[in-house]
N, C-alpha and C. Protein backbone atom coordinates (compact mmCIF):
# COMPACT_ATOMS: atom_id res chain seq x y z
N MET A 1 -86.79 2.07 5.89
CA MET A 1 -87.88 1.84 6.56
C MET A 1 -87.97 0.33 6.64
N ALA A 2 -87.84 -0.36 7.72
CA ALA A 2 -87.81 -1.94 7.69
C ALA A 2 -89.11 -2.39 7.83
N THR A 3 -89.31 -3.54 7.28
CA THR A 3 -90.84 -4.12 7.07
C THR A 3 -90.84 -5.34 7.84
N ASP A 4 -91.87 -5.61 8.78
CA ASP A 4 -92.07 -6.78 9.64
C ASP A 4 -92.87 -7.64 8.79
N TRP A 5 -92.16 -8.38 8.04
CA TRP A 5 -92.88 -9.53 6.92
C TRP A 5 -93.87 -10.43 7.81
N ALA A 6 -93.76 -10.74 8.97
CA ALA A 6 -94.70 -11.67 9.68
C ALA A 6 -96.07 -11.05 9.59
N HIS A 7 -96.23 -9.64 9.38
CA HIS A 7 -97.52 -9.11 9.69
C HIS A 7 -98.13 -8.62 8.18
N VAL A 8 -97.42 -9.03 7.23
CA VAL A 8 -97.69 -8.43 6.00
C VAL A 8 -98.63 -9.34 5.27
N ALA A 9 -99.87 -8.87 5.01
CA ALA A 9 -100.81 -9.37 4.00
C ALA A 9 -100.19 -9.41 2.52
N SER A 10 -100.23 -10.66 1.76
CA SER A 10 -99.45 -10.45 0.53
C SER A 10 -100.64 -11.15 -0.48
N PRO A 11 -100.27 -11.00 -1.75
CA PRO A 11 -101.30 -11.69 -2.67
C PRO A 11 -101.50 -12.98 -2.40
N GLU A 12 -100.35 -13.75 -1.93
CA GLU A 12 -100.62 -15.08 -1.82
C GLU A 12 -101.52 -15.46 -0.67
N HIS A 13 -101.66 -14.56 0.19
CA HIS A 13 -102.75 -14.83 1.41
C HIS A 13 -104.27 -14.36 0.99
N ARG A 14 -104.35 -14.05 -0.35
CA ARG A 14 -105.79 -13.39 -0.76
C ARG A 14 -106.62 -14.59 -0.52
N THR A 15 -108.13 -14.40 -0.19
CA THR A 15 -108.88 -15.42 0.20
C THR A 15 -109.91 -15.25 -1.03
N GLU A 16 -109.94 -14.41 -1.78
CA GLU A 16 -110.81 -13.93 -2.91
C GLU A 16 -110.20 -13.56 -4.29
N PRO A 17 -110.40 -14.23 -5.43
CA PRO A 17 -109.84 -13.95 -6.55
C PRO A 17 -110.10 -12.64 -7.06
N ARG A 18 -109.29 -11.99 -7.88
CA ARG A 18 -109.46 -10.58 -8.30
C ARG A 18 -109.77 -10.57 -9.74
N ASP A 19 -110.34 -9.50 -10.26
CA ASP A 19 -110.55 -9.21 -11.48
C ASP A 19 -109.51 -8.26 -12.21
N GLU A 20 -108.92 -8.55 -13.32
CA GLU A 20 -107.63 -7.73 -13.95
C GLU A 20 -108.35 -6.41 -14.49
N VAL A 21 -107.98 -5.36 -14.13
CA VAL A 21 -108.27 -4.07 -14.72
C VAL A 21 -107.14 -3.13 -14.88
N HIS A 22 -107.41 -2.11 -15.71
CA HIS A 22 -106.23 -1.17 -15.89
C HIS A 22 -106.78 0.19 -15.86
N HIS A 23 -106.97 0.69 -14.61
CA HIS A 23 -107.90 1.91 -14.49
C HIS A 23 -106.95 2.99 -13.68
N ARG A 24 -106.65 4.24 -14.27
CA ARG A 24 -106.28 5.39 -13.35
C ARG A 24 -107.21 5.91 -12.51
N ALA A 25 -107.06 5.96 -11.40
CA ALA A 25 -107.76 6.33 -10.47
C ALA A 25 -107.38 7.48 -9.49
N ARG A 26 -108.24 8.27 -9.00
CA ARG A 26 -107.95 9.37 -8.00
C ARG A 26 -107.90 8.56 -6.60
N ALA A 27 -106.95 9.07 -5.92
CA ALA A 27 -106.94 8.60 -4.42
C ALA A 27 -106.35 9.86 -3.52
N THR A 28 -106.71 9.90 -2.22
CA THR A 28 -106.14 10.77 -1.43
C THR A 28 -105.56 10.00 -0.05
N ASP A 29 -104.39 10.50 0.25
CA ASP A 29 -103.98 9.99 1.66
C ASP A 29 -104.71 10.52 2.76
N ILE A 30 -105.55 9.94 3.38
CA ILE A 30 -106.46 10.61 4.27
C ILE A 30 -105.78 11.36 5.64
N ALA A 31 -104.78 10.72 6.15
CA ALA A 31 -103.78 11.64 7.07
C ALA A 31 -103.08 12.73 6.58
N ALA A 32 -102.51 12.63 5.31
CA ALA A 32 -101.71 13.87 4.82
C ALA A 32 -102.55 14.78 3.97
N GLY A 33 -103.67 14.23 3.55
CA GLY A 33 -104.63 14.92 2.69
C GLY A 33 -103.98 15.18 1.23
N CYS A 34 -102.97 14.71 1.00
CA CYS A 34 -102.44 14.78 -0.49
C CYS A 34 -102.97 13.74 -1.66
N PRO A 35 -103.13 14.43 -2.78
CA PRO A 35 -103.67 13.36 -3.80
C PRO A 35 -102.45 12.42 -4.18
N LEU A 36 -103.21 11.14 -4.68
CA LEU A 36 -102.02 10.03 -4.90
C LEU A 36 -102.72 9.64 -6.28
N PRO A 37 -102.08 9.84 -7.61
CA PRO A 37 -102.60 9.35 -8.71
C PRO A 37 -102.07 7.85 -8.53
N MET A 38 -102.87 6.77 -9.14
CA MET A 38 -102.69 5.39 -9.06
C MET A 38 -103.24 4.71 -10.13
N LEU A 39 -102.58 3.48 -10.65
CA LEU A 39 -103.46 2.91 -11.45
C LEU A 39 -103.57 1.43 -10.93
N ILE A 40 -105.13 1.17 -10.87
CA ILE A 40 -105.40 -0.07 -10.20
C ILE A 40 -105.25 -1.06 -11.35
N VAL A 41 -104.70 -2.02 -11.16
CA VAL A 41 -104.46 -3.42 -11.89
C VAL A 41 -105.41 -4.66 -11.66
N ASN A 42 -105.77 -4.66 -10.28
CA ASN A 42 -106.71 -5.78 -9.91
C ASN A 42 -107.69 -5.38 -8.95
N MET A 43 -108.86 -6.02 -9.06
CA MET A 43 -109.84 -5.45 -7.91
C MET A 43 -110.55 -6.72 -7.49
N SER A 44 -111.37 -6.79 -6.42
CA SER A 44 -112.41 -7.49 -5.88
C SER A 44 -113.51 -6.78 -5.00
N PRO A 45 -114.42 -7.30 -4.85
CA PRO A 45 -115.48 -6.39 -3.82
C PRO A 45 -114.80 -6.03 -2.56
N HIS A 46 -113.74 -6.75 -2.03
CA HIS A 46 -113.23 -6.38 -0.97
C HIS A 46 -111.74 -5.54 -0.94
N GLY A 47 -111.39 -5.42 -2.07
CA GLY A 47 -110.08 -4.88 -2.01
C GLY A 47 -109.21 -4.64 -3.54
N MET A 48 -108.06 -4.35 -3.59
CA MET A 48 -107.57 -3.97 -4.90
C MET A 48 -106.03 -3.99 -4.79
N MET A 49 -105.26 -3.97 -6.05
CA MET A 49 -103.81 -3.78 -5.99
C MET A 49 -103.81 -2.69 -6.86
N ALA A 50 -102.95 -1.91 -6.70
CA ALA A 50 -102.62 -0.63 -7.64
C ALA A 50 -100.98 -0.44 -7.66
N ARG A 51 -100.63 0.25 -8.52
CA ARG A 51 -99.34 0.90 -8.76
C ARG A 51 -99.46 2.31 -8.27
N CYS A 52 -98.47 2.71 -7.52
CA CYS A 52 -98.50 4.25 -6.86
C CYS A 52 -96.98 4.63 -6.81
N GLU A 53 -96.42 5.78 -7.43
CA GLU A 53 -95.31 6.39 -7.34
C GLU A 53 -94.79 6.90 -5.90
N VAL A 54 -95.96 7.30 -5.21
CA VAL A 54 -95.85 7.90 -3.87
C VAL A 54 -95.61 6.65 -2.81
N PRO A 55 -94.45 6.84 -1.98
CA PRO A 55 -94.42 5.67 -1.16
C PRO A 55 -95.45 5.52 -0.11
N LEU A 56 -95.94 4.54 0.19
CA LEU A 56 -96.99 4.16 1.21
C LEU A 56 -96.52 3.22 2.19
N SER A 57 -97.03 3.33 3.16
CA SER A 57 -96.79 2.12 4.39
C SER A 57 -97.96 1.35 4.64
N ILE A 58 -97.92 0.07 5.24
CA ILE A 58 -98.96 -0.75 5.86
C ILE A 58 -99.51 0.23 6.97
N GLY A 59 -100.89 0.13 6.77
CA GLY A 59 -102.00 0.82 7.58
C GLY A 59 -102.21 2.28 7.29
N ASP A 60 -101.50 2.76 6.05
CA ASP A 60 -102.12 4.02 5.65
C ASP A 60 -103.59 3.79 5.02
N ARG A 61 -104.31 5.07 5.30
CA ARG A 61 -105.56 4.93 4.92
C ARG A 61 -105.74 5.77 3.53
N LEU A 62 -106.49 5.40 2.69
CA LEU A 62 -106.75 6.15 1.48
C LEU A 62 -108.20 6.31 1.06
N ARG A 63 -108.60 7.40 0.43
CA ARG A 63 -109.79 7.49 -0.21
C ARG A 63 -109.69 7.33 -1.57
N ILE A 64 -110.38 6.36 -2.08
CA ILE A 64 -110.28 6.09 -3.46
C ILE A 64 -111.42 6.27 -4.31
N VAL A 65 -111.48 6.83 -5.45
CA VAL A 65 -112.57 7.20 -6.23
C VAL A 65 -112.84 5.95 -7.41
N LEU A 66 -113.90 5.18 -7.21
CA LEU A 66 -114.06 4.31 -8.11
C LEU A 66 -115.40 4.44 -9.23
N PRO A 67 -115.25 4.17 -10.36
CA PRO A 67 -116.21 4.62 -11.29
C PRO A 67 -117.48 3.74 -10.98
N ALA A 68 -118.79 4.29 -11.09
CA ALA A 68 -120.03 3.72 -10.62
C ALA A 68 -120.11 3.46 -9.29
N VAL A 69 -119.12 3.74 -8.38
CA VAL A 69 -119.14 3.34 -6.97
C VAL A 69 -118.83 4.70 -6.23
N GLY A 70 -118.19 5.61 -6.53
CA GLY A 70 -117.75 6.68 -5.84
C GLY A 70 -116.45 6.51 -4.88
N ALA A 71 -116.68 7.41 -3.87
CA ALA A 71 -115.10 7.38 -2.89
C ALA A 71 -115.39 6.11 -2.06
N ARG A 72 -114.17 5.25 -2.02
CA ARG A 72 -114.20 4.22 -1.07
C ARG A 72 -113.04 4.43 -0.13
N VAL A 73 -113.24 4.18 1.16
CA VAL A 73 -112.05 4.18 2.20
C VAL A 73 -111.15 2.77 2.17
N ALA A 74 -110.02 2.64 2.03
CA ALA A 74 -109.25 1.59 2.12
C ALA A 74 -107.97 1.66 2.93
N GLU A 75 -107.73 0.42 3.50
CA GLU A 75 -106.38 0.50 4.03
C GLU A 75 -105.32 -0.31 3.46
N VAL A 76 -104.19 0.33 3.45
CA VAL A 76 -102.97 -0.33 2.79
C VAL A 76 -102.55 -1.66 3.66
N ARG A 77 -102.72 -2.63 3.17
CA ARG A 77 -102.13 -4.01 3.73
C ARG A 77 -100.81 -4.53 3.48
N TRP A 78 -100.40 -4.15 2.34
CA TRP A 78 -99.08 -4.43 1.91
C TRP A 78 -98.61 -3.28 1.00
N ALA A 79 -97.25 -3.10 1.11
CA ALA A 79 -96.67 -2.19 -0.19
C ALA A 79 -95.21 -2.83 -0.46
N LEU A 80 -94.95 -2.73 -1.57
CA LEU A 80 -93.94 -3.32 -2.16
C LEU A 80 -93.40 -2.89 -3.50
N GLY A 81 -92.20 -2.05 -3.70
CA GLY A 81 -91.84 -1.84 -5.01
C GLY A 81 -92.79 -1.08 -5.73
N GLY A 82 -93.52 0.03 -5.26
CA GLY A 82 -94.53 1.03 -5.98
C GLY A 82 -95.80 0.21 -6.08
N ARG A 83 -96.00 -1.03 -5.51
CA ARG A 83 -97.20 -1.65 -5.67
C ARG A 83 -98.00 -1.72 -4.25
N ILE A 84 -99.25 -1.63 -4.26
CA ILE A 84 -99.81 -1.54 -2.89
C ILE A 84 -101.12 -2.55 -2.79
N GLY A 85 -101.32 -3.19 -1.90
CA GLY A 85 -102.72 -3.83 -1.81
C GLY A 85 -103.50 -3.19 -0.70
N CYS A 86 -104.72 -3.16 -1.25
CA CYS A 86 -105.75 -2.38 -0.15
C CYS A 86 -106.86 -3.16 0.04
N GLN A 87 -107.40 -3.08 1.31
CA GLN A 87 -108.67 -3.61 1.60
C GLN A 87 -109.50 -2.39 1.97
N PHE A 88 -110.79 -2.69 1.25
CA PHE A 88 -111.95 -1.48 1.49
C PHE A 88 -112.38 -1.88 3.04
N ASP A 89 -112.77 -0.51 3.55
CA ASP A 89 -113.23 -0.61 4.98
C ASP A 89 -114.90 -1.29 4.72
N GLN A 90 -115.50 -1.13 3.74
CA GLN A 90 -116.86 -1.79 3.37
C GLN A 90 -116.85 -2.25 2.02
N PRO A 91 -117.14 -3.58 1.68
CA PRO A 91 -117.08 -4.40 0.71
C PRO A 91 -118.04 -3.63 -0.21
N VAL A 92 -117.77 -3.56 -1.77
CA VAL A 92 -118.47 -3.23 -2.73
C VAL A 92 -119.71 -4.06 -3.04
N ALA A 93 -120.91 -3.43 -2.93
CA ALA A 93 -121.92 -4.27 -3.41
C ALA A 93 -121.88 -5.04 -4.73
N ILE A 94 -122.36 -6.23 -4.90
CA ILE A 94 -122.00 -6.85 -6.35
C ILE A 94 -122.43 -6.00 -7.47
N GLY A 95 -123.72 -5.52 -7.29
CA GLY A 95 -124.13 -4.91 -8.52
C GLY A 95 -123.26 -3.47 -8.79
N ASP A 96 -123.16 -2.87 -7.73
CA ASP A 96 -121.95 -1.70 -7.98
C ASP A 96 -120.71 -2.21 -8.46
N TYR A 97 -120.11 -3.26 -8.15
CA TYR A 97 -118.82 -3.92 -8.42
C TYR A 97 -118.81 -4.02 -9.81
N VAL A 98 -120.14 -4.97 -10.46
CA VAL A 98 -120.11 -5.11 -11.85
C VAL A 98 -120.20 -3.98 -12.54
N SER A 99 -120.89 -3.01 -12.11
CA SER A 99 -120.74 -1.42 -12.87
C SER A 99 -119.38 -0.94 -13.08
N ALA A 100 -118.79 -1.11 -11.70
CA ALA A 100 -117.38 -0.55 -11.68
C ALA A 100 -116.41 -1.28 -12.70
N LEU A 101 -116.54 -2.59 -12.53
CA LEU A 101 -115.72 -3.42 -13.74
C LEU A 101 -115.81 -3.17 -15.01
N SER A 102 -117.18 -2.94 -15.32
CA SER A 102 -117.35 -2.58 -16.90
C SER A 102 -116.83 -1.21 -17.22
N ALA A 103 -116.99 -0.17 -16.12
CA ALA A 103 -116.55 1.09 -16.48
C ALA A 103 -114.90 1.10 -16.51
N MET A 104 -114.26 0.19 -15.87
CA MET A 104 -112.75 0.15 -15.72
C MET A 104 -112.10 -0.63 -16.95
N ARG A 105 -112.87 -1.51 -17.60
CA ARG A 105 -112.32 -2.37 -18.68
C ARG A 105 -112.44 -1.67 -20.02
């Protein structure tokens, strides 16, 4: 699969800092309906980066379960070498975000 790098959102283009975490999460590929185990390595109220052994593509939509928040829908914005960057459809409210971070650390 060829990647059109001109349209890839990368960590260098992030507008918001991320908090480092190390959290095993459950996710589901919405289109395929298959489970995706992943390790979330950093997060912000608007998105996250995770490691995932299942190959994903830009534009894939996932349902990710976060502690203290519940299920969130996110879009894969970039994918490279088993790592993915996702943007949540709806930002996590700051109070819920702080609770989620506390549970993940």
